[in-house]
Amino acid sequence: MILNLTTMGTASAMPISDRNPSAQMLSAGGRLFLIDCGEGTQQQMRRCHFSFVRVEAIFISHIHGDHLFGLFGLLNSMAMYGRTAPLDIYGPNALGGVLNFYRSYFGSDDGFEIRFHPLSCKGPEIVHTSKCVTVSAFPLNHKIECYGYRFDEIVTERHREANPAYKAKSYAYCSDTAPFPELPEWVKGVSCLYHEATYPAEMADKAEHRFHSTTEQAARCALQAGAGRLIVGHYSSRVTDFESFLEECRAIFPATQAASDGDCFEI
């Protein structure tokens, strides 16, 4: 199966002129899964040529604005493009109130059903099953209720028989979070791990205070998890030297890439 990740937003909370807030699109066998929806996501989707009506599900990590403020515009555009298929949205329980506000004032005539699935798991738990992937949610260590997501390819018995050595692909999304002991085990063995690296190592005190991670902490998580590759993002607006930022990660986990807006990664 072809599994592609597009990072449409790689900034953190403060605006950066050439980076959008958090948003990613995972294409799995042609099915689209949106992960977080920061301001400007629908514009990024147009630039990346993603269909508004083919998004199967949306996964919101938490209700900080840089991960959420693009949702109202996107839902409205889906309606204007004539979407009729139901849309599954996953996220913290508080997201339900946000969606109810949207439906009350803007979404009564959208023409498609929004199916909200509140999360409350204490460890990895399968929350969505598609034709080609299962999606698990797991709690992160942030200021407010926050979840990461893991996507695991579904391999049929017929495919396994034809390709005994085939290794199923997987992708995990971890943003925003401070380090905690269980996380490497929860994302163990993923083909590709996205882990926020908001700050360079010298700003570890700020990372700890704000429940975020540094470059080195993200790299250690990937190393401990035995990930195939690490992608970092959610950069602080204070970061300007991305080469040294990347070097800090690669000193611990060489297979690291620093994402920019619009980058596409084959998993």
C-alpha atoms as a PDB file:
ATOM      1  CA  MET A   1       0.000   0.000   0.000  1.00  0.00           C
ATOM      2  CA  ILE A   2       1.167   3.520  -0.745  1.00  0.00           C
ATOM      3  CA  LEU A   3       1.341   5.607   2.433  1.00  0.00           C
ATOM      4  CA  ASN A   4       2.220   9.281   1.991  1.00  0.00           C
ATOM      5  CA  LEU A   5       2.440  12.071   4.566  1.00  0.00           C
ATOM      6  CA  THR A   6       2.164  15.759   3.680  1.00  0.00           C
ATOM      7  CA  THR A   7       3.114  18.295   6.358  1.00  0.00           C
ATOM      8  CA  MET A   8       0.911  21.304   5.609  1.00  0.00           C
ATOM      9  CA  GLY A   9       1.746  23.223   8.789  1.00  0.00           C
ATOM     10  CA  THR A  10       4.964  23.035  10.822  1.00  0.00           C
ATOM     11  CA  ALA A  11       4.842  26.135  13.053  1.00  0.00           C
ATOM     12  CA  SER A  12       3.773  26.270  16.687  1.00  0.00           C
ATOM     13  CA  ALA A  13       1.432  28.805  18.312  1.00  0.00           C
ATOM     14  CA  MET A  14       3.049  32.082  17.216  1.00  0.00           C
ATOM     15  CA  PRO A  15       2.629  33.085  13.544  1.00  0.00           C
ATOM     16  CA  ILE A  16       5.633  32.665  11.247  1.00  0.00           C
ATOM     17  CA  SER A  17       5.581  34.303   7.824  1.00  0.00           C
ATOM     18  CA  ASP A  18       6.545  31.172   5.891  1.00  0.00           C
ATOM     19  CA  ARG A  19       5.007  28.459   8.095  1.00  0.00           C
ATOM     20  CA  ASN A  20       1.416  27.564   8.930  1.00  0.00           C
ATOM     21  CA  PRO A  21       0.128  26.098  12.218  1.00  0.00           C
ATOM     22  CA  SER A  22      -0.162  22.340  12.670  1.00  0.00           C
ATOM     23  CA  ALA A  23      -1.870  20.280   9.976  1.00  0.00           C
ATOM     24  CA  GLN A  24      -0.945  17.055   8.216  1.00  0.00           C
ATOM     25  CA  MET A  25      -2.572  14.877   5.594  1.00  0.00           C
ATOM     26  CA  LEU A  26      -1.939  11.151   5.540  1.00  0.00           C
ATOM     27  CA  SER A  27      -2.900   9.406   2.310  1.00  0.00           C
ATOM     28  CA  ALA A  28      -3.305   5.667   2.830  1.00  0.00           C
ATOM     29  CA  GLY A  29      -4.177   3.703  -0.266  1.00  0.00           C
ATOM     30  CA  GLY A  30      -5.821   6.831  -1.668  1.00  0.00           C
ATOM     31  CA  ARG A  31      -7.898   7.475   1.472  1.00  0.00           C
ATOM     32  CA  LEU A  32      -7.285  10.822   3.178  1.00  0.00           C
ATOM     33  CA  PHE A  33      -6.879  11.360   6.918  1.00  0.00           C
ATOM     34  CA  LEU A  34      -6.412  14.897   8.251  1.00  0.00           C
ATOM     35  CA  ILE A  35      -4.407  15.244  11.458  1.00  0.00           C
ATOM     36  CA  ASP A  36      -4.939  18.558  13.242  1.00  0.00           C
ATOM     37  CA  CYS A  37      -6.377  21.588  11.494  1.00  0.00           C
ATOM     38  CA  GLY A  38      -4.593  24.834  12.269  1.00  0.00           C
ATOM     39  CA  GLU A  39      -5.543  28.150  10.698  1.00  0.00           C
ATOM     40  CA  GLY A  40      -5.149  28.135   6.908  1.00  0.00           C
ATOM     41  CA  THR A  41      -5.467  24.364   6.491  1.00  0.00           C
ATOM     42  CA  GLN A  42      -8.031  24.572   3.702  1.00  0.00           C
ATOM     43  CA  GLN A  43      -5.739  26.890   1.737  1.00  0.00           C
ATOM     44  CA  GLN A  44      -2.873  24.448   2.203  1.00  0.00           C
ATOM     45  CA  MET A  45      -5.115  21.619   1.037  1.00  0.00           C
ATOM     46  CA  ARG A  46      -5.811  23.513  -2.179  1.00  0.00           C
ATOM     47  CA  ARG A  47      -2.105  24.146  -2.731  1.00  0.00           C
ATOM     48  CA  CYS A  48      -1.393  20.444  -2.200  1.00  0.00           C
ATOM     49  CA  HIS A  49      -4.345  19.399  -4.392  1.00  0.00           C
ATOM     50  CA  PHE A  50      -6.264  17.483  -1.717  1.00  0.00           C
ATOM     51  CA  SER A  51      -9.986  17.011  -2.254  1.00  0.00           C
ATOM     52  CA  PHE A  52     -12.279  18.469   0.412  1.00  0.00           C
ATOM     53  CA  VAL A  53     -14.837  15.738  -0.130  1.00  0.00           C
ATOM     54  CA  ARG A  54     -12.480  12.754   0.048  1.00  0.00           C
ATOM     55  CA  VAL A  55     -11.269  13.268   3.628  1.00  0.00           C
ATOM     56  CA  GLU A  56     -12.467  10.165   5.482  1.00  0.00           C
ATOM     57  CA  ALA A  57     -11.750  11.326   9.032  1.00  0.00           C
ATOM     58  CA  ILE A  58     -10.189  14.176  11.019  1.00  0.00           C
ATOM     59  CA  PHE A  59      -8.047  13.611  14.115  1.00  0.00           C
ATOM     60  CA  ILE A  60      -7.585  16.587  16.457  1.00  0.00           C
ATOM     61  CA  SER A  61      -4.876  16.300  19.111  1.00  0.00           C
ATOM     62  CA  HIS A  62      -6.161  19.020  21.464  1.00  0.00           C
ATOM     63  CA  ILE A  63      -8.106  22.262  21.486  1.00  0.00           C
ATOM     64  CA  HIS A  64      -5.293  24.795  21.453  1.00  0.00           C
ATOM     65  CA  GLY A  65      -5.968  27.195  18.600  1.00  0.00           C
ATOM     66  CA  ASP A  66      -2.909  26.403  16.499  1.00  0.00           C
ATOM     67  CA  HIS A  67      -4.261  22.861  16.087  1.00  0.00           C
ATOM     68  CA  LEU A  68      -7.911  23.771  15.611  1.00  0.00           C
ATOM     69  CA  PHE A  69      -8.664  27.243  14.251  1.00  0.00           C
ATOM     70  CA  GLY A  70      -8.862  26.054  10.636  1.00  0.00           C
ATOM     71  CA  LEU A  71     -11.665  23.564  11.289  1.00  0.00           C
ATOM     72  CA  PHE A  72     -14.696  25.841  10.858  1.00  0.00           C
ATOM     73  CA  GLY A  73     -13.544  27.100   7.467  1.00  0.00           C
ATOM     74  CA  LEU A  74     -12.726  23.598   6.268  1.00  0.00           C
ATOM     75  CA  LEU A  75     -16.107  22.184   7.294  1.00  0.00           C
ATOM     76  CA  ASN A  76     -17.883  25.051   5.570  1.00  0.00           C
ATOM     77  CA  SER A  77     -15.872  24.529   2.382  1.00  0.00           C
ATOM     78  CA  MET A  78     -16.661  20.809   2.433  1.00  0.00           C
ATOM     79  CA  ALA A  79     -20.342  21.730   2.382  1.00  0.00           C
ATOM     80  CA  MET A  80     -19.889  24.214  -0.473  1.00  0.00           C
ATOM     81  CA  TYR A  81     -18.097  21.534  -2.491  1.00  0.00           C
ATOM     82  CA  GLY A  82     -21.159  19.308  -2.097  1.00  0.00           C
ATOM     83  CA  ARG A  83     -19.907  16.763   0.375  1.00  0.00           C
ATOM     84  CA  THR A  84     -22.601  14.245   1.356  1.00  0.00           C
ATOM     85  CA  ALA A  85     -20.591  11.445   3.008  1.00  0.00           C
ATOM     86  CA  PRO A  86     -20.518  11.458   6.818  1.00  0.00           C
ATOM     87  CA  LEU A  87     -17.343  12.841   8.390  1.00  0.00           C
ATOM     88  CA  ASP A  88     -15.809  11.218  11.480  1.00  0.00           C
ATOM     89  CA  ILE A  89     -13.978  13.613  13.810  1.00  0.00           C
ATOM     90  CA  TYR A  90     -11.920  12.384  16.767  1.00  0.00           C
ATOM     91  CA  GLY A  91     -10.566  14.436  19.631  1.00  0.00           C
ATOM     92  CA  PRO A  92     -10.803  15.355  23.319  1.00  0.00           C
ATOM     93  CA  ASN A  93     -14.236  15.562  24.888  1.00  0.00           C
ATOM     94  CA  ALA A  94     -14.098  19.386  24.938  1.00  0.00           C
ATOM     95  CA  LEU A  95     -14.017  19.385  21.131  1.00  0.00           C
ATOM     96  CA  GLY A  96     -17.675  18.364  21.221  1.00  0.00           C
ATOM     97  CA  GLY A  97     -18.685  21.810  22.499  1.00  0.00           C
ATOM     98  CA  VAL A  98     -16.688  23.468  19.705  1.00  0.00           C
ATOM     99  CA  LEU A  99     -18.433  21.354  17.075  1.00  0.00           C
ATOM    100  CA  ASN A 100     -21.842  22.004  18.630  1.00  0.00           C
ATOM    101  CA  PHE A 101     -21.171  25.748  18.364  1.00  0.00           C
ATOM    102  CA  TYR A 102     -20.262  25.360  14.690  1.00  0.00           C
ATOM    103  CA  ARG A 103     -23.346  23.291  13.917  1.00  0.00           C
ATOM    104  CA  SER A 104     -25.637  25.675  15.779  1.00  0.00           C
ATOM    105  CA  TYR A 105     -24.484  28.803  13.955  1.00  0.00           C
ATOM    106  CA  PHE A 106     -22.966  27.665  10.671  1.00  0.00           C
ATOM    107  CA  GLY A 107     -23.507  23.966   9.971  1.00  0.00           C
ATOM    108  CA  SER A 108     -27.251  23.359  10.041  1.00  0.00           C
ATOM    109  CA  ASP A 109     -27.460  23.133   6.225  1.00  0.00           C
ATOM    110  CA  ASP A 110     -24.109  21.517   5.500  1.00  0.00           C
ATOM    111  CA  GLY A 111     -25.612  18.464   3.825  1.00  0.00           C
ATOM    112  CA  PHE A 112     -23.381  15.923   5.541  1.00  0.00           C
ATOM    113  CA  GLU A 113     -23.306  14.375   8.994  1.00  0.00           C
ATOM    114  CA  ILE A 114     -20.525  15.210  11.433  1.00  0.00           C
ATOM    115  CA  ARG A 115     -19.917  12.204  13.702  1.00  0.00           C
ATOM    116  CA  PHE A 116     -17.892  13.257  16.730  1.00  0.00           C
ATOM    117  CA  HIS A 117     -16.014  10.578  18.684  1.00  0.00           C
ATOM    118  CA  PRO A 118     -14.762  11.850  22.081  1.00  0.00           C
ATOM    119  CA  LEU A 119     -11.595  10.205  23.348  1.00  0.00           C
ATOM    120  CA  SER A 120     -10.891   9.133  26.907  1.00  0.00           C
ATOM    121  CA  CYS A 121      -8.212   6.442  26.628  1.00  0.00           C
ATOM    122  CA  LYS A 122      -5.411   5.979  29.170  1.00  0.00           C
ATOM    123  CA  GLY A 123      -3.225   4.044  26.746  1.00  0.00           C
ATOM    124  CA  PRO A 124      -3.265   3.068  23.058  1.00  0.00           C
ATOM    125  CA  GLU A 125      -6.780   2.213  21.905  1.00  0.00           C
ATOM    126  CA  ILE A 126      -8.090   1.575  18.392  1.00  0.00           C
ATOM    127  CA  VAL A 127     -10.611   4.306  17.586  1.00  0.00           C
ATOM    128  CA  HIS A 128     -11.056   4.082  13.805  1.00  0.00           C
ATOM    129  CA  THR A 129     -10.861   1.233  11.330  1.00  0.00           C
ATOM    130  CA  SER A 130     -10.725   1.948   7.630  1.00  0.00           C
ATOM    131  CA  LYS A 131     -10.367  -0.390   4.683  1.00  0.00           C
ATOM    132  CA  CYS A 132      -6.600  -0.003   4.733  1.00  0.00           C
ATOM    133  CA  VAL A 133      -5.537   1.187   8.216  1.00  0.00           C
ATOM    134  CA  THR A 134      -6.424   1.020  11.876  1.00  0.00           C
ATOM    135  CA  VAL A 135      -6.009   4.205  13.885  1.00  0.00           C
ATOM    136  CA  SER A 136      -5.136   4.147  17.576  1.00  0.00           C
ATOM    137  CA  ALA A 137      -5.263   7.098  19.959  1.00  0.00           C
ATOM    138  CA  PHE A 138      -3.111   7.522  23.059  1.00  0.00           C
ATOM    139  CA  PRO A 139      -2.752  10.319  25.642  1.00  0.00           C
ATOM    140  CA  LEU A 140       0.138  12.772  25.525  1.00  0.00           C
ATOM    141  CA  ASN A 141       1.707  14.866  28.279  1.00  0.00           C
ATOM    142  CA  HIS A 142       0.587  18.441  27.629  1.00  0.00           C
ATOM    143  CA  LYS A 143      -0.991  21.315  29.563  1.00  0.00           C
ATOM    144  CA  ILE A 144      -4.483  20.170  28.603  1.00  0.00           C
ATOM    145  CA  GLU A 145      -6.023  16.886  27.451  1.00  0.00           C
ATOM    146  CA  CYS A 146      -4.099  15.919  24.334  1.00  0.00           C
ATOM    147  CA  TYR A 147      -3.830  12.809  22.158  1.00  0.00           C
ATOM    148  CA  GLY A 148      -1.419  11.301  19.695  1.00  0.00           C
ATOM    149  CA  TYR A 149      -2.409   8.970  16.876  1.00  0.00           C
ATOM    150  CA  ARG A 150      -0.918   5.852  15.348  1.00  0.00           C
ATOM    151  CA  PHE A 151      -1.858   4.555  11.896  1.00  0.00           C
ATOM    152  CA  ASP A 152      -1.144   0.880  11.147  1.00  0.00           C
ATOM    153  CA  GLU A 153      -1.536  -0.673   7.736  1.00  0.00           C
ATOM    154  CA  ILE A 154      -3.997  -3.549   7.471  1.00  0.00           C
ATOM    155  CA  VAL A 155      -2.352  -6.418   5.602  1.00  0.00           C
ATOM    156  CA  THR A 156      -4.673  -9.099   4.266  1.00  0.00           C
ATOM    157  CA  GLU A 157      -3.888 -12.789   4.626  1.00  0.00           C
ATOM    158  CA  ARG A 158      -3.809 -13.057   0.861  1.00  0.00           C
ATOM    159  CA  HIS A 159      -1.129 -10.354   0.685  1.00  0.00           C
ATOM    160  CA  ARG A 160       0.902 -12.003   3.462  1.00  0.00           C
ATOM    161  CA  GLU A 161       0.811 -15.337   1.674  1.00  0.00           C
ATOM    162  CA  ALA A 162       2.024 -13.707  -1.527  1.00  0.00           C
ATOM    163  CA  ASN A 163       4.683 -11.611   0.265  1.00  0.00           C
ATOM    164  CA  PRO A 164       5.811 -13.435   3.451  1.00  0.00           C
ATOM    165  CA  ALA A 165       8.607 -10.930   4.137  1.00  0.00           C
ATOM    166  CA  TYR A 166       6.379  -7.879   3.809  1.00  0.00           C
ATOM    167  CA  LYS A 167       6.443  -5.525   6.810  1.00  0.00           C
ATOM    168  CA  ALA A 168       3.298  -3.504   7.423  1.00  0.00           C
ATOM    169  CA  LYS A 169       3.775   0.263   7.320  1.00  0.00           C
ATOM    170  CA  SER A 170       2.923   2.489  10.246  1.00  0.00           C
ATOM    171  CA  TYR A 171       2.960   6.157  11.200  1.00  0.00           C
ATOM    172  CA  ALA A 172       2.646   7.884  14.579  1.00  0.00           C
ATOM    173  CA  TYR A 173       1.861  11.546  15.302  1.00  0.00           C
ATOM    174  CA  CYS A 174       2.990  13.037  18.629  1.00  0.00           C
ATOM    175  CA  SER A 175       2.256  16.724  19.089  1.00  0.00           C
ATOM    176  CA  ASP A 176       2.185  18.468  21.609  1.00  0.00           C
ATOM    177  CA  THR A 177       3.911  16.678  24.467  1.00  0.00           C
ATOM    178  CA  ALA A 178       6.603  16.716  27.099  1.00  0.00           C
ATOM    179  CA  PRO A 179       8.537  13.431  27.378  1.00  0.00           C
ATOM    180  CA  PHE A 180       7.066  10.621  29.455  1.00  0.00           C
ATOM    181  CA  PRO A 181       8.218   7.010  29.953  1.00  0.00           C
ATOM    182  CA  GLU A 182       5.381   5.181  28.176  1.00  0.00           C
ATOM    183  CA  LEU A 183       5.524   7.038  24.869  1.00  0.00           C
ATOM    184  CA  PRO A 184       8.417   5.138  23.207  1.00  0.00           C
ATOM    185  CA  GLU A 185       6.621   1.854  23.930  1.00  0.00           C
ATOM    186  CA  TRP A 186       3.332   3.145  22.528  1.00  0.00           C
ATOM    187  CA  VAL A 187       4.971   4.088  19.212  1.00  0.00           C
ATOM    188  CA  LYS A 188       7.395   1.160  19.210  1.00  0.00           C
ATOM    189  CA  GLY A 189       8.547  -0.013  15.808  1.00  0.00           C
ATOM    190  CA  VAL A 190       6.694   2.538  13.683  1.00  0.00           C
ATOM    191  CA  SER A 191       7.990   3.026  10.176  1.00  0.00           C
ATOM    192  CA  CYS A 192       7.860   6.783  10.664  1.00  0.00           C
ATOM    193  CA  LEU A 193       7.416   8.905  13.784  1.00  0.00           C
ATOM    194  CA  TYR A 194       6.424  12.562  13.777  1.00  0.00           C
ATOM    195  CA  HIS A 195       7.411  14.093  17.093  1.00  0.00           C
ATOM    196  CA  GLU A 196       7.173  17.750  17.984  1.00  0.00           C
ATOM    197  CA  ALA A 197      10.531  19.399  18.626  1.00  0.00           C
ATOM    198  CA  THR A 198       9.441  22.896  19.525  1.00  0.00           C
ATOM    199  CA  TYR A 199      12.740  23.988  21.071  1.00  0.00           C
ATOM    200  CA  PRO A 200      16.468  23.371  20.616  1.00  0.00           C
ATOM    201  CA  ALA A 201      18.292  21.663  23.488  1.00  0.00           C
ATOM    202  CA  GLU A 202      19.453  24.948  25.036  1.00  0.00           C
ATOM    203  CA  MET A 203      15.793  25.896  25.653  1.00  0.00           C
ATOM    204  CA  ALA A 204      14.998  22.776  27.683  1.00  0.00           C
ATOM    205  CA  ASP A 205      13.714  24.888  30.556  1.00  0.00           C
ATOM    206  CA  LYS A 206      11.113  26.537  28.329  1.00  0.00           C
ATOM    207  CA  ALA A 207      10.115  23.151  26.928  1.00  0.00           C
ATOM    208  CA  GLU A 208       9.584  21.750  30.421  1.00  0.00           C
ATOM    209  CA  HIS A 209       7.594  24.791  31.569  1.00  0.00           C
ATOM    210  CA  ARG A 210       5.306  24.667  28.523  1.00  0.00           C
ATOM    211  CA  PHE A 211       4.968  20.862  28.312  1.00  0.00           C
ATOM    212  CA  HIS A 212       6.781  20.594  24.985  1.00  0.00           C
ATOM    213  CA  SER A 213       9.850  18.701  23.757  1.00  0.00           C
ATOM    214  CA  THR A 214      13.310  19.657  22.592  1.00  0.00           C
ATOM    215  CA  THR A 215      15.211  18.324  19.614  1.00  0.00           C
ATOM    216  CA  GLU A 216      17.148  15.889  21.790  1.00  0.00           C
ATOM    217  CA  GLN A 217      14.033  14.620  23.578  1.00  0.00           C
ATOM    218  CA  ALA A 218      12.259  13.931  20.278  1.00  0.00           C
ATOM    219  CA  ALA A 219      15.326  12.092  18.977  1.00  0.00           C
ATOM    220  CA  ARG A 220      15.617   9.976  22.137  1.00  0.00           C
ATOM    221  CA  CYS A 221      11.975   8.944  21.833  1.00  0.00           C
ATOM    222  CA  ALA A 222      12.563   7.791  18.242  1.00  0.00           C
ATOM    223  CA  LEU A 223      15.699   5.902  19.298  1.00  0.00           C
ATOM    224  CA  GLN A 224      14.005   4.164  22.223  1.00  0.00           C
ATOM    225  CA  ALA A 225      10.987   3.307  20.061  1.00  0.00           C
ATOM    226  CA  GLY A 226      13.124   1.779  17.314  1.00  0.00           C
ATOM    227  CA  ALA A 227      11.391   3.974  14.735  1.00  0.00           C
ATOM    228  CA  GLY A 228      12.435   3.690  11.121  1.00  0.00           C
ATOM    229  CA  ARG A 229      12.518   7.441  10.627  1.00  0.00           C
ATOM    230  CA  LEU A 230      11.865  10.613  12.634  1.00  0.00           C
ATOM    231  CA  ILE A 231      10.219  13.751  11.283  1.00  0.00           C
ATOM    232  CA  VAL A 232      10.238  16.825  13.506  1.00  0.00           C
ATOM    233  CA  GLY A 233       8.208  20.018  13.384  1.00  0.00           C
ATOM    234  CA  HIS A 234       6.036  22.385  15.462  1.00  0.00           C
ATOM    235  CA  TYR A 235       8.942  24.820  15.579  1.00  0.00           C
ATOM    236  CA  SER A 236       9.058  27.728  17.995  1.00  0.00           C
ATOM    237  CA  SER A 237       9.048  31.147  16.338  1.00  0.00           C
ATOM    238  CA  ARG A 238      12.347  31.687  18.185  1.00  0.00           C
ATOM    239  CA  VAL A 239      14.057  29.079  15.971  1.00  0.00           C
ATOM    240  CA  THR A 240      15.840  30.514  12.937  1.00  0.00           C
ATOM    241  CA  ASP A 241      18.818  28.187  12.497  1.00  0.00           C
ATOM    242  CA  PHE A 242      17.213  24.962  11.343  1.00  0.00           C
ATOM    243  CA  GLU A 243      20.508  23.373  10.305  1.00  0.00           C
ATOM    244  CA  SER A 244      21.837  23.288  13.878  1.00  0.00           C
ATOM    245  CA  PHE A 245      18.360  22.272  15.017  1.00  0.00           C
ATOM    246  CA  LEU A 246      18.496  19.255  12.723  1.00  0.00           C
ATOM    247  CA  GLU A 247      22.078  18.446  13.744  1.00  0.00           C
ATOM    248  CA  GLU A 248      20.975  18.134  17.380  1.00  0.00           C
ATOM    249  CA  CYS A 249      18.414  15.510  16.398  1.00  0.00           C
ATOM    250  CA  ARG A 250      20.754  13.590  14.111  1.00  0.00           C
ATOM    251  CA  ALA A 251      23.466  13.394  16.756  1.00  0.00           C
ATOM    252  CA  ILE A 252      21.118  11.037  18.625  1.00  0.00           C
ATOM    253  CA  PHE A 253      18.935   9.646  15.826  1.00  0.00           C
ATOM    254  CA  PRO A 254      20.587   9.991  12.389  1.00  0.00           C
ATOM    255  CA  ALA A 255      17.456   9.138  10.388  1.00  0.00           C
ATOM    256  CA  THR A 256      15.833  12.493  11.175  1.00  0.00           C
ATOM    257  CA  GLN A 257      14.234  14.950   8.784  1.00  0.00           C
ATOM    258  CA  ALA A 258      13.019  18.455   9.612  1.00  0.00           C
ATOM    259  CA  ALA A 259       9.664  19.102   7.969  1.00  0.00           C
ATOM    260  CA  SER A 260       8.720  22.233   6.082  1.00  0.00           C
ATOM    261  CA  ASP A 261       5.256  23.248   4.937  1.00  0.00           C
ATOM    262  CA  GLY A 262       4.265  21.324   1.816  1.00  0.00           C
ATOM    263  CA  ASP A 263       6.803  18.516   2.231  1.00  0.00           C
ATOM    264  CA  CYS A 264       5.666  15.048   1.185  1.00  0.00           C
ATOM    265  CA  PHE A 265       7.170  11.918   2.718  1.00  0.00           C
ATOM    266  CA  GLU A 266       6.651   8.394   1.441  1.00  0.00           C
ATOM    267  CA  ILE A 267       6.351   5.990   4.367  1.00  0.00           C
END
